[in-house]
Amino acid sequence: MADYYINIFLDDEKIKKIEGVGLAGGIQEINGKKAVRVGVTAKEQKKLAKSFPDLTPDSSNAYVLPEQAENLVLNMIFSVKSFDVMKGAILKLYNPFAGKELLQKTF
């Protein structure tokens, strides 16, 4: 069981794509909307929090990513036909230098 989750709310087109890759069993109803949940470990959550400081979890420790990041995760789900994509997604989403000023040495 994951420590945290990413909720991805689905429209009709996304539902069809999820069904098309054989993952229809992962579609849930969350707050009256169709969605999928992607598990996130505590370590991955810390990296997400650094990359997206405005993210706040709901009462079930679930986040909703900004649209661009959500699309990246969805495309990875469609590619690998699995909801276990956060290790790969973190590599693309995490910027360890976010919010830090890079120092330059002068020679």
PDB file of N, CA and C in Angstrom:
ATOM      1  N   MET A   1       0.844  -1.185   0.000  1.00  0.00           N
ATOM      2  CA  MET A   1       0.000   0.000   0.000  1.00  0.00           C
ATOM      3  C   MET A   1       0.886   1.245   0.000  1.00  0.00           C
ATOM      4  N   ALA A   2       0.532   2.204  -0.800  1.00  0.00           N
ATOM      5  CA  ALA A   2       1.309   3.432  -0.939  1.00  0.00           C
ATOM      6  C   ALA A   2       1.073   4.354   0.255  1.00  0.00           C
ATOM      7  N   ASP A   3       2.061   5.207   0.502  1.00  0.00           N
ATOM      8  CA  ASP A   3       1.946   6.208   1.563  1.00  0.00           C
ATOM      9  C   ASP A   3       1.073   7.380   1.123  1.00  0.00           C
ATOM     10  N   TYR A   4       1.167   7.707  -0.169  1.00  0.00           N
ATOM     11  CA  TYR A   4       0.439   8.825  -0.750  1.00  0.00           C
ATOM     12  C   TYR A   4      -0.097   8.387  -2.107  1.00  0.00           C
ATOM     13  N   TYR A   5      -0.945   9.235  -2.685  1.00  0.00           N
ATOM     14  CA  TYR A   5      -1.531   8.922  -3.990  1.00  0.00           C
ATOM     15  C   TYR A   5      -1.593  10.170  -4.852  1.00  0.00           C
ATOM     16  N   ILE A   6      -1.614   9.946  -6.144  1.00  0.00           N
ATOM     17  CA  ILE A   6      -1.925  10.985  -7.111  1.00  0.00           C
ATOM     18  C   ILE A   6      -3.288  10.612  -7.683  1.00  0.00           C
ATOM     19  N   ASN A   7      -4.258  11.491  -7.540  1.00  0.00           N
ATOM     20  CA  ASN A   7      -5.570  11.283  -8.159  1.00  0.00           C
ATOM     21  C   ASN A   7      -5.553  11.936  -9.531  1.00  0.00           C
ATOM     22  N   ILE A   8      -5.931  11.162 -10.531  1.00  0.00           N
ATOM     23  CA  ILE A   8      -6.048  11.696 -11.884  1.00  0.00           C
ATOM     24  C   ILE A   8      -7.497  11.535 -12.301  1.00  0.00           C
ATOM     25  N   PHE A   9      -8.202  12.669 -12.399  1.00  0.00           N
ATOM     26  CA  PHE A   9      -9.609  12.640 -12.776  1.00  0.00           C
ATOM     27  C   PHE A   9      -9.721  12.505 -14.285  1.00  0.00           C
ATOM     28  N   LEU A  10     -10.683  11.693 -14.705  1.00  0.00           N
ATOM     29  CA  LEU A  10     -10.783  11.284 -16.102  1.00  0.00           C
ATOM     30  C   LEU A  10     -12.018  11.854 -16.792  1.00  0.00           C
ATOM     31  N   ASP A  11     -11.818  12.294 -18.019  1.00  0.00           N
ATOM     32  CA  ASP A  11     -12.956  12.629 -18.876  1.00  0.00           C
ATOM     33  C   ASP A  11     -13.230  11.395 -19.743  1.00  0.00           C
ATOM     34  N   ASP A  12     -14.217  11.478 -20.619  1.00  0.00           N
ATOM     35  CA  ASP A  12     -14.599  10.319 -21.438  1.00  0.00           C
ATOM     36  C   ASP A  12     -13.446   9.805 -22.300  1.00  0.00           C
ATOM     37  N   GLU A  13     -12.671  10.718 -22.870  1.00  0.00           N
ATOM     38  CA  GLU A  13     -11.548  10.325 -23.732  1.00  0.00           C
ATOM     39  C   GLU A  13     -10.479   9.555 -22.929  1.00  0.00           C
ATOM     40  N   LYS A  14     -10.169  10.049 -21.749  1.00  0.00           N
ATOM     41  CA  LYS A  14      -9.156   9.384 -20.911  1.00  0.00           C
ATOM     42  C   LYS A  14      -9.659   8.034 -20.419  1.00  0.00           C
ATOM     43  N   ILE A  15     -10.949   7.942 -20.120  1.00  0.00           N
ATOM     44  CA  ILE A  15     -11.532   6.665 -19.700  1.00  0.00           C
ATOM     45  C   ILE A  15     -11.368   5.641 -20.821  1.00  0.00           C
ATOM     46  N   LYS A  16     -11.650   6.042 -22.058  1.00  0.00           N
ATOM     47  CA  LYS A  16     -11.510   5.127 -23.190  1.00  0.00           C
ATOM     48  C   LYS A  16     -10.064   4.666 -23.356  1.00  0.00           C
ATOM     49  N   LYS A  17      -9.110   5.575 -23.157  1.00  0.00           N
ATOM     50  CA  LYS A  17      -7.700   5.209 -23.280  1.00  0.00           C
ATOM     51  C   LYS A  17      -7.288   4.242 -22.163  1.00  0.00           C
ATOM     52  N   ILE A  18      -7.768   4.501 -20.950  1.00  0.00           N
ATOM     53  CA  ILE A  18      -7.472   3.596 -19.821  1.00  0.00           C
ATOM     54  C   ILE A  18      -8.041   2.215 -20.116  1.00  0.00           C
ATOM     55  N   GLU A  19      -9.275   2.176 -20.597  1.00  0.00           N
ATOM     56  CA  GLU A  19      -9.895   0.893 -20.952  1.00  0.00           C
ATOM     57  C   GLU A  19      -9.135   0.232 -22.098  1.00  0.00           C
ATOM     58  N   GLY A  20      -8.661   1.027 -23.052  1.00  0.00           N
ATOM     59  CA  GLY A  20      -7.947   0.506 -24.208  1.00  0.00           C
ATOM     60  C   GLY A  20      -6.637  -0.168 -23.882  1.00  0.00           C
ATOM     61  N   VAL A  21      -6.003   0.235 -22.783  1.00  0.00           N
ATOM     62  CA  VAL A  21      -4.744  -0.407 -22.383  1.00  0.00           C
ATOM     63  C   VAL A  21      -4.974  -1.496 -21.331  1.00  0.00           C
ATOM     64  N   GLY A  22      -6.255  -1.822 -21.089  1.00  0.00           N
ATOM     65  CA  GLY A  22      -6.578  -2.928 -20.189  1.00  0.00           C
ATOM     66  C   GLY A  22      -6.538  -2.597 -18.714  1.00  0.00           C
ATOM     67  N   LEU A  23      -6.698  -1.325 -18.356  1.00  0.00           N
ATOM     68  CA  LEU A  23      -6.624  -0.926 -16.952  1.00  0.00           C
ATOM     69  C   LEU A  23      -7.951  -0.414 -16.395  1.00  0.00           C
ATOM     70  N   ALA A  24      -9.053  -0.812 -17.016  1.00  0.00           N
ATOM     71  CA  ALA A  24     -10.372  -0.339 -16.587  1.00  0.00           C
ATOM     72  C   ALA A  24     -10.665  -0.697 -15.135  1.00  0.00           C
ATOM     73  N   GLY A  25     -10.079  -1.774 -14.634  1.00  0.00           N
ATOM     74  CA  GLY A  25     -10.297  -2.178 -13.243  1.00  0.00           C
ATOM     75  C   GLY A  25      -9.748  -1.190 -12.235  1.00  0.00           C
ATOM     76  N   GLY A  26      -8.868  -0.296 -12.680  1.00  0.00           N
ATOM     77  CA  GLY A  26      -8.283   0.701 -11.780  1.00  0.00           C
ATOM     78  C   GLY A  26      -9.076   1.987 -11.689  1.00  0.00           C
ATOM     79  N   ILE A  27     -10.145   2.098 -12.466  1.00  0.00           N
ATOM     80  CA  ILE A  27     -10.964   3.308 -12.428  1.00  0.00           C
ATOM     81  C   ILE A  27     -11.841   3.270 -11.186  1.00  0.00           C
ATOM     82  N   GLN A  28     -11.799   4.358 -10.432  1.00  0.00           N
ATOM     83  CA  GLN A  28     -12.564   4.482  -9.189  1.00  0.00           C
ATOM     84  C   GLN A  28     -13.463   5.711  -9.264  1.00  0.00           C
ATOM     85  N   GLU A  29     -14.381   5.785  -8.347  1.00  0.00           N
ATOM     86  CA  GLU A  29     -15.204   6.980  -8.206  1.00  0.00           C
ATOM     87  C   GLU A  29     -14.681   7.730  -6.979  1.00  0.00           C
ATOM     88  N   ILE A  30     -14.212   8.953  -7.197  1.00  0.00           N
ATOM     89  CA  ILE A  30     -13.686   9.786  -6.118  1.00  0.00           C
ATOM     90  C   ILE A  30     -14.420  11.120  -6.170  1.00  0.00           C
ATOM     91  N   ASN A  31     -15.089  11.454  -5.090  1.00  0.00           N
ATOM     92  CA  ASN A  31     -15.867  12.699  -5.016  1.00  0.00           C
ATOM     93  C   ASN A  31     -16.846  12.834  -6.183  1.00  0.00           C
ATOM     94  N   GLY A  32     -17.445  11.722  -6.573  1.00  0.00           N
ATOM     95  CA  GLY A  32     -18.448  11.733  -7.629  1.00  0.00           C
ATOM     96  C   GLY A  32     -17.879  11.785  -9.037  1.00  0.00           C
ATOM     97  N   LYS A  33     -16.567  11.687  -9.176  1.00  0.00           N
ATOM     98  CA  LYS A  33     -15.938  11.736 -10.495  1.00  0.00           C
ATOM     99  C   LYS A  33     -15.139  10.456 -10.722  1.00  0.00           C
ATOM    100  N   LYS A  34     -15.014  10.066 -11.984  1.00  0.00           N
ATOM    101  CA  LYS A  34     -14.191   8.913 -12.348  1.00  0.00           C
ATOM    102  C   LYS A  34     -12.724   9.330 -12.278  1.00  0.00           C
ATOM    103  N   ALA A  35     -11.897   8.452 -11.683  1.00  0.00           N
ATOM    104  CA  ALA A  35     -10.480   8.767 -11.515  1.00  0.00           C
ATOM    105  C   ALA A  35      -9.666   7.492 -11.390  1.00  0.00           C
ATOM    106  N   VAL A  36      -8.364   7.644 -11.535  1.00  0.00           N
ATOM    107  CA  VAL A  36      -7.431   6.572 -11.207  1.00  0.00           C
ATOM    108  C   VAL A  36      -6.507   7.110 -10.134  1.00  0.00           C
ATOM    109  N   ARG A  37      -5.974   6.187  -9.335  1.00  0.00           N
ATOM    110  CA  ARG A  37      -5.042   6.548  -8.266  1.00  0.00           C
ATOM    111  C   ARG A  37      -3.702   5.905  -8.549  1.00  0.00           C
ATOM    112  N   VAL A  38      -2.663   6.702  -8.468  1.00  0.00           N
ATOM    113  CA  VAL A  38      -1.307   6.211  -8.660  1.00  0.00           C
ATOM    114  C   VAL A  38      -0.609   6.298  -7.313  1.00  0.00           C
ATOM    115  N   GLY A  39      -0.036   5.180  -6.872  1.00  0.00           N
ATOM    116  CA  GLY A  39       0.653   5.146  -5.592  1.00  0.00           C
ATOM    117  C   GLY A  39       1.963   5.915  -5.620  1.00  0.00           C
ATOM    118  N   VAL A  40       2.259   6.587  -4.501  1.00  0.00           N
ATOM    119  CA  VAL A  40       3.472   7.382  -4.356  1.00  0.00           C
ATOM    120  C   VAL A  40       4.091   7.045  -3.006  1.00  0.00           C
ATOM    121  N   THR A  41       5.377   6.727  -2.993  1.00  0.00           N
ATOM    122  CA  THR A  41       6.062   6.455  -1.725  1.00  0.00           C
ATOM    123  C   THR A  41       6.353   7.770  -1.009  1.00  0.00           C
ATOM    124  N   ALA A  42       6.740   7.681   0.256  1.00  0.00           N
ATOM    125  CA  ALA A  42       7.067   8.880   1.026  1.00  0.00           C
ATOM    126  C   ALA A  42       8.253   9.620   0.402  1.00  0.00           C
ATOM    127  N   LYS A  43       9.235   8.888  -0.090  1.00  0.00           N
ATOM    128  CA  LYS A  43      10.408   9.498  -0.721  1.00  0.00           C
ATOM    129  C   LYS A  43      10.005  10.233  -1.999  1.00  0.00           C
ATOM    130  N   GLU A  44       9.154   9.619  -2.813  1.00  0.00           N
ATOM    131  CA  GLU A  44       8.675  10.260  -4.036  1.00  0.00           C
ATOM    132  C   GLU A  44       7.829  11.491  -3.705  1.00  0.00           C
ATOM    133  N   GLN A  45       7.048  11.410  -2.622  1.00  0.00           N
ATOM    134  CA  GLN A  45       6.204  12.529  -2.216  1.00  0.00           C
ATOM    135  C   GLN A  45       7.068  13.730  -1.840  1.00  0.00           C
ATOM    136  N   LYS A  46       8.193  13.496  -1.170  1.00  0.00           N
ATOM    137  CA  LYS A  46       9.085  14.602  -0.808  1.00  0.00           C
ATOM    138  C   LYS A  46       9.623  15.295  -2.057  1.00  0.00           C
ATOM    139  N   LYS A  47       9.939  14.509  -3.077  1.00  0.00           N
ATOM    140  CA  LYS A  47      10.433  15.089  -4.323  1.00  0.00           C
ATOM    141  C   LYS A  47       9.327  15.860  -5.034  1.00  0.00           C
ATOM    142  N   LEU A  48       8.108  15.334  -4.996  1.00  0.00           N
ATOM    143  CA  LEU A  48       6.978  16.062  -5.592  1.00  0.00           C
ATOM    144  C   LEU A  48       6.745  17.378  -4.864  1.00  0.00           C
ATOM    145  N   ALA A  49       6.842  17.348  -3.540  1.00  0.00           N
ATOM    146  CA  ALA A  49       6.623  18.557  -2.744  1.00  0.00           C
ATOM    147  C   ALA A  49       7.668  19.626  -3.071  1.00  0.00           C
ATOM    148  N   LYS A  50       8.901  19.199  -3.349  1.00  0.00           N
ATOM    149  CA  LYS A  50       9.942  20.162  -3.719  1.00  0.00           C
ATOM    150  C   LYS A  50       9.695  20.716  -5.122  1.00  0.00           C
ATOM    151  N   SER A  51       9.216  19.870  -6.014  1.00  0.00           N
ATOM    152  CA  SER A  51       8.971  20.307  -7.384  1.00  0.00           C
ATOM    153  C   SER A  51       7.711  21.145  -7.505  1.00  0.00           C
ATOM    154  N   PHE A  52       6.713  20.840  -6.679  1.00  0.00           N
ATOM    155  CA  PHE A  52       5.427  21.536  -6.726  1.00  0.00           C
ATOM    156  C   PHE A  52       5.060  21.976  -5.304  1.00  0.00           C
ATOM    157  N   PRO A  53       5.644  23.077  -4.830  1.00  0.00           N
ATOM    158  CA  PRO A  53       5.436  23.492  -3.432  1.00  0.00           C
ATOM    159  C   PRO A  53       3.985  23.823  -3.083  1.00  0.00           C
ATOM    160  N   ASP A  54       3.139  24.076  -4.073  1.00  0.00           N
ATOM    161  CA  ASP A  54       1.735  24.417  -3.807  1.00  0.00           C
ATOM    162  C   ASP A  54       0.846  23.190  -3.620  1.00  0.00           C
ATOM    163  N   LEU A  55       1.391  21.986  -3.827  1.00  0.00           N
ATOM    164  CA  LEU A  55       0.586  20.770  -3.676  1.00  0.00           C
ATOM    165  C   LEU A  55       0.220  20.568  -2.211  1.00  0.00           C
ATOM    166  N   THR A  56      -1.037  20.251  -1.979  1.00  0.00           N
ATOM    167  CA  THR A  56      -1.467  19.899  -0.630  1.00  0.00           C
ATOM    168  C   THR A  56      -2.317  18.637  -0.722  1.00  0.00           C
ATOM    169  N   PRO A  57      -2.078  17.700   0.193  1.00  0.00           N
ATOM    170  CA  PRO A  57      -2.854  16.455   0.138  1.00  0.00           C
ATOM    171  C   PRO A  57      -4.246  16.659   0.709  1.00  0.00           C
ATOM    172  N   ASP A  58      -5.167  15.800   0.256  1.00  0.00           N
ATOM    173  CA  ASP A  58      -6.498  15.814   0.859  1.00  0.00           C
ATOM    174  C   ASP A  58      -6.467  14.901   2.086  1.00  0.00           C
ATOM    175  N   SER A  59      -7.608  14.611   2.648  1.00  0.00           N
ATOM    176  CA  SER A  59      -7.675  13.813   3.874  1.00  0.00           C
ATOM    177  C   SER A  59      -7.210  12.369   3.682  1.00  0.00           C
ATOM    178  N   SER A  60      -7.134  11.906   2.437  1.00  0.00           N
ATOM    179  CA  SER A  60      -6.674  10.533   2.185  1.00  0.00           C
ATOM    180  C   SER A  60      -5.237  10.505   1.658  1.00  0.00           C
ATOM    181  N   ASN A  61      -4.479  11.601   1.917  1.00  0.00           N
ATOM    182  CA  ASN A  61      -3.093  11.724   1.446  1.00  0.00           C
ATOM    183  C   ASN A  61      -2.988  11.619  -0.067  1.00  0.00           C
ATOM    184  N   ALA A  62      -3.927  12.204  -0.769  1.00  0.00           N
ATOM    185  CA  ALA A  62      -3.930  12.189  -2.228  1.00  0.00           C
ATOM    186  C   ALA A  62      -3.736  13.612  -2.751  1.00  0.00           C
ATOM    187  N   TYR A  63      -3.014  13.696  -3.849  1.00  0.00           N
ATOM    188  CA  TYR A  63      -2.721  14.966  -4.501  1.00  0.00           C
ATOM    189  C   TYR A  63      -3.338  14.992  -5.889  1.00  0.00           C
ATOM    190  N   VAL A  64      -3.522  16.192  -6.402  1.00  0.00           N
ATOM    191  CA  VAL A  64      -3.872  16.388  -7.799  1.00  0.00           C
ATOM    192  C   VAL A  64      -2.746  17.244  -8.377  1.00  0.00           C
ATOM    193  N   LEU A  65      -2.055  16.693  -9.363  1.00  0.00           N
ATOM    194  CA  LEU A  65      -0.923  17.381  -9.973  1.00  0.00           C
ATOM    195  C   LEU A  65      -1.384  18.480 -10.918  1.00  0.00           C
ATOM    196  N   PRO A  66      -0.518  19.456 -11.197  1.00  0.00           N
ATOM    197  CA  PRO A  66      -0.826  20.425 -12.252  1.00  0.00           C
ATOM    198  C   PRO A  66      -1.018  19.692 -13.582  1.00  0.00           C
ATOM    199  N   GLU A  67      -1.743  20.305 -14.492  1.00  0.00           N
ATOM    200  CA  GLU A  67      -2.149  19.635 -15.737  1.00  0.00           C
ATOM    201  C   GLU A  67      -0.983  19.045 -16.527  1.00  0.00           C
ATOM    202  N   GLN A  68       0.090  19.790 -16.680  1.00  0.00           N
ATOM    203  CA  GLN A  68       1.223  19.302 -17.469  1.00  0.00           C
ATOM    204  C   GLN A  68       1.844  18.062 -16.833  1.00  0.00           C
ATOM    205  N   ALA A  69       2.008  18.072 -15.519  1.00  0.00           N
ATOM    206  CA  ALA A  69       2.570  16.920 -14.820  1.00  0.00           C
ATOM    207  C   ALA A  69       1.607  15.736 -14.856  1.00  0.00           C
ATOM    208  N   GLU A  70       0.319  16.024 -14.711  1.00  0.00           N
ATOM    209  CA  GLU A  70      -0.694  14.970 -14.785  1.00  0.00           C
ATOM    210  C   GLU A  70      -0.685  14.296 -16.157  1.00  0.00           C
ATOM    211  N   ASN A  71      -0.557  15.087 -17.214  1.00  0.00           N
ATOM    212  CA  ASN A  71      -0.502  14.531 -18.568  1.00  0.00           C
ATOM    213  C   ASN A  71       0.717  13.641 -18.754  1.00  0.00           C
ATOM    214  N   LEU A  72       1.851  14.032 -18.176  1.00  0.00           N
ATOM    215  CA  LEU A  72       3.052  13.207 -18.256  1.00  0.00           C
ATOM    216  C   LEU A  72       2.818  11.852 -17.593  1.00  0.00           C
ATOM    217  N   VAL A  73       2.228  11.872 -16.404  1.00  0.00           N
ATOM    218  CA  VAL A  73       1.948  10.624 -15.684  1.00  0.00           C
ATOM    219  C   VAL A  73       0.955   9.774 -16.476  1.00  0.00           C
ATOM    220  N   LEU A  74      -0.087  10.385 -16.999  1.00  0.00           N
ATOM    221  CA  LEU A  74      -1.069   9.641 -17.798  1.00  0.00           C
ATOM    222  C   LEU A  74      -0.432   9.004 -19.030  1.00  0.00           C
ATOM    223  N   ASN A  75       0.402   9.746 -19.724  1.00  0.00           N
ATOM    224  CA  ASN A  75       1.069   9.199 -20.907  1.00  0.00           C
ATOM    225  C   ASN A  75       1.976   8.029 -20.541  1.00  0.00           C
ATOM    226  N   MET A  76       2.603   8.104 -19.384  1.00  0.00           N
ATOM    227  CA  MET A  76       3.431   6.977 -18.939  1.00  0.00           C
ATOM    228  C   MET A  76       2.558   5.757 -18.637  1.00  0.00           C
ATOM    229  N   ILE A  77       1.393   5.993 -18.038  1.00  0.00           N
ATOM    230  CA  ILE A  77       0.453   4.894 -17.762  1.00  0.00           C
ATOM    231  C   ILE A  77       0.039   4.232 -19.071  1.00  0.00           C
ATOM    232  N   PHE A  78      -0.290   5.043 -20.069  1.00  0.00           N
ATOM    233  CA  PHE A  78      -0.690   4.489 -21.364  1.00  0.00           C
ATOM    234  C   PHE A  78       0.457   3.721 -22.018  1.00  0.00           C
ATOM    235  N   SER A  79       1.686   4.196 -21.861  1.00  0.00           N
ATOM    236  CA  SER A  79       2.854   3.548 -22.485  1.00  0.00           C
ATOM    237  C   SER A  79       3.176   2.202 -21.864  1.00  0.00           C
ATOM    238  N   VAL A  80       3.238   2.185 -20.536  1.00  0.00           N
ATOM    239  CA  VAL A  80       3.669   0.950 -19.859  1.00  0.00           C
ATOM    240  C   VAL A  80       2.500   0.060 -19.455  1.00  0.00           C
ATOM    241  N   LYS A  81       1.279   0.564 -19.645  1.00  0.00           N
ATOM    242  CA  LYS A  81       0.065  -0.193 -19.333  1.00  0.00           C
ATOM    243  C   LYS A  81       0.053  -0.668 -17.884  1.00  0.00           C
ATOM    244  N   SER A  82       0.408   0.260 -17.001  1.00  0.00           N
ATOM    245  CA  SER A  82       0.452  -0.027 -15.565  1.00  0.00           C
ATOM    246  C   SER A  82       0.294   1.296 -14.813  1.00  0.00           C
ATOM    247  N   PHE A  83      -0.212   1.202 -13.582  1.00  0.00           N
ATOM    248  CA  PHE A  83      -0.300   2.381 -12.728  1.00  0.00           C
ATOM    249  C   PHE A  83       0.966   2.571 -11.907  1.00  0.00           C
ATOM    250  N   ASP A  84       1.891   1.638 -11.995  1.00  0.00           N
ATOM    251  CA  ASP A  84       3.145   1.701 -11.244  1.00  0.00           C
ATOM    252  C   ASP A  84       4.184   2.475 -12.061  1.00  0.00           C
ATOM    253  N   VAL A  85       3.997   3.797 -12.158  1.00  0.00           N
ATOM    254  CA  VAL A  85       4.841   4.612 -13.022  1.00  0.00           C
ATOM    255  C   VAL A  85       5.587   5.729 -12.295  1.00  0.00           C
ATOM    256  N   MET A  86       5.396   5.866 -10.990  1.00  0.00           N
ATOM    257  CA  MET A  86       5.949   7.035 -10.313  1.00  0.00           C
ATOM    258  C   MET A  86       7.474   7.063 -10.280  1.00  0.00           C
ATOM    259  N   LYS A  87       8.139   5.924 -10.224  1.00  0.00           N
ATOM    260  CA  LYS A  87       9.605   5.946 -10.241  1.00  0.00           C
ATOM    261  C   LYS A  87      10.099   6.628 -11.511  1.00  0.00           C
ATOM    262  N   GLY A  88       9.539   6.276 -12.642  1.00  0.00           N
ATOM    263  CA  GLY A  88       9.908   6.906 -13.904  1.00  0.00           C
ATOM    264  C   GLY A  88       9.423   8.341 -14.007  1.00  0.00           C
ATOM    265  N   ALA A  89       8.227   8.593 -13.515  1.00  0.00           N
ATOM    266  CA  ALA A  89       7.667   9.943 -13.603  1.00  0.00           C
ATOM    267  C   ALA A  89       8.474  10.928 -12.757  1.00  0.00           C
ATOM    268  N   ILE A  90       8.932  10.486 -11.604  1.00  0.00           N
ATOM    269  CA  ILE A  90       9.714  11.364 -10.734  1.00  0.00           C
ATOM    270  C   ILE A  90      10.984  11.823 -11.450  1.00  0.00           C
ATOM    271  N   LEU A  91      11.581  10.925 -12.232  1.00  0.00           N
ATOM    272  CA  LEU A  91      12.793  11.309 -12.968  1.00  0.00           C
ATOM    273  C   LEU A  91      12.527  12.488 -13.901  1.00  0.00           C
ATOM    274  N   LYS A  92      11.324  12.566 -14.430  1.00  0.00           N
ATOM    275  CA  LYS A  92      10.984  13.654 -15.350  1.00  0.00           C
ATOM    276  C   LYS A  92      10.394  14.869 -14.635  1.00  0.00           C
ATOM    277  N   LEU A  93       9.752  14.654 -13.493  1.00  0.00           N
ATOM    278  CA  LEU A  93       9.074  15.746 -12.798  1.00  0.00           C
ATOM    279  C   LEU A  93       9.945  16.463 -11.772  1.00  0.00           C
ATOM    280  N   TYR A  94      10.891  15.750 -11.181  1.00  0.00           N
ATOM    281  CA  TYR A  94      11.648  16.296 -10.052  1.00  0.00           C
ATOM    282  C   TYR A  94      12.806  17.161 -10.525  1.00  0.00           C
ATOM    283  N   ASN A  95      12.846  18.369 -10.040  1.00  0.00           N
ATOM    284  CA  ASN A  95      13.954  19.274 -10.301  1.00  0.00           C
ATOM    285  C   ASN A  95      14.612  19.577  -8.962  1.00  0.00           C
ATOM    286  N   PRO A  96      15.778  18.973  -8.678  1.00  0.00           N
ATOM    287  CA  PRO A  96      16.404  19.169  -7.372  1.00  0.00           C
ATOM    288  C   PRO A  96      16.836  20.606  -7.108  1.00  0.00           C
ATOM    289  N   PHE A  97      16.898  21.428  -8.149  1.00  0.00           N
ATOM    290  CA  PHE A  97      17.333  22.810  -7.975  1.00  0.00           C
ATOM    291  C   PHE A  97      16.164  23.799  -7.945  1.00  0.00           C
ATOM    292  N   ALA A  98      14.951  23.301  -7.916  1.00  0.00           N
ATOM    293  CA  ALA A  98      13.783  24.182  -7.901  1.00  0.00           C
ATOM    294  C   ALA A  98      13.832  25.088  -6.675  1.00  0.00           C
ATOM    295  N   GLY A  99      13.672  26.367  -6.898  1.00  0.00           N
ATOM    296  CA  GLY A  99      13.637  27.327  -5.804  1.00  0.00           C
ATOM    297  C   GLY A  99      14.997  27.707  -5.252  1.00  0.00           C
ATOM    298  N   LYS A 100      16.074  27.173  -5.817  1.00  0.00           N
ATOM    299  CA  LYS A 100      17.412  27.500  -5.330  1.00  0.00           C
ATOM    300  C   LYS A 100      18.139  28.325  -6.372  1.00  0.00           C
ATOM    301  N   GLU A 101      18.894  29.270  -5.888  1.00  0.00           N
ATOM    302  CA  GLU A 101      19.695  30.072  -6.799  1.00  0.00           C
ATOM    303  C   GLU A 101      21.006  29.343  -7.057  1.00  0.00           C
ATOM    304  N   LEU A 102      21.333  29.209  -8.311  1.00  0.00           N
ATOM    305  CA  LEU A 102      22.580  28.545  -8.667  1.00  0.00           C
ATOM    306  C   LEU A 102      23.726  29.547  -8.552  1.00  0.00           C
ATOM    307  N   LEU A 103      24.757  29.126  -7.866  1.00  0.00           N
ATOM    308  CA  LEU A 103      25.922  29.985  -7.690  1.00  0.00           C
ATOM    309  C   LEU A 103      26.900  29.736  -8.831  1.00  0.00           C
ATOM    310  N   GLN A 104      27.525  30.791  -9.263  1.00  0.00           N
ATOM    311  CA  GLN A 104      28.510  30.674 -10.319  1.00  0.00           C
ATOM    312  C   GLN A 104      29.874  31.059  -9.777  1.00  0.00           C
ATOM    313  N   LYS A 105      30.865  30.298 -10.134  1.00  0.00           N
ATOM    314  CA  LYS A 105      32.229  30.657  -9.772  1.00  0.00           C
ATOM    315  C   LYS A 105      32.820  31.447 -10.931  1.00  0.00           C
ATOM    316  N   THR A 106      33.569  32.426 -10.600  1.00  0.00           N
ATOM    317  CA  THR A 106      34.282  33.162 -11.636  1.00  0.00           C
ATOM    318  C   THR A 106      35.725  32.725 -11.587  1.00  0.00           C
ATOM    319  N   PHE A 107      36.269  32.536 -12.708  1.00  0.00           N
ATOM    320  CA  PHE A 107      37.658  32.040 -12.776  1.00  0.00           C
ATOM    321  C   PHE A 107      38.577  33.132 -13.232  1.00  0.00           C
TER     322      PHE A 107
END
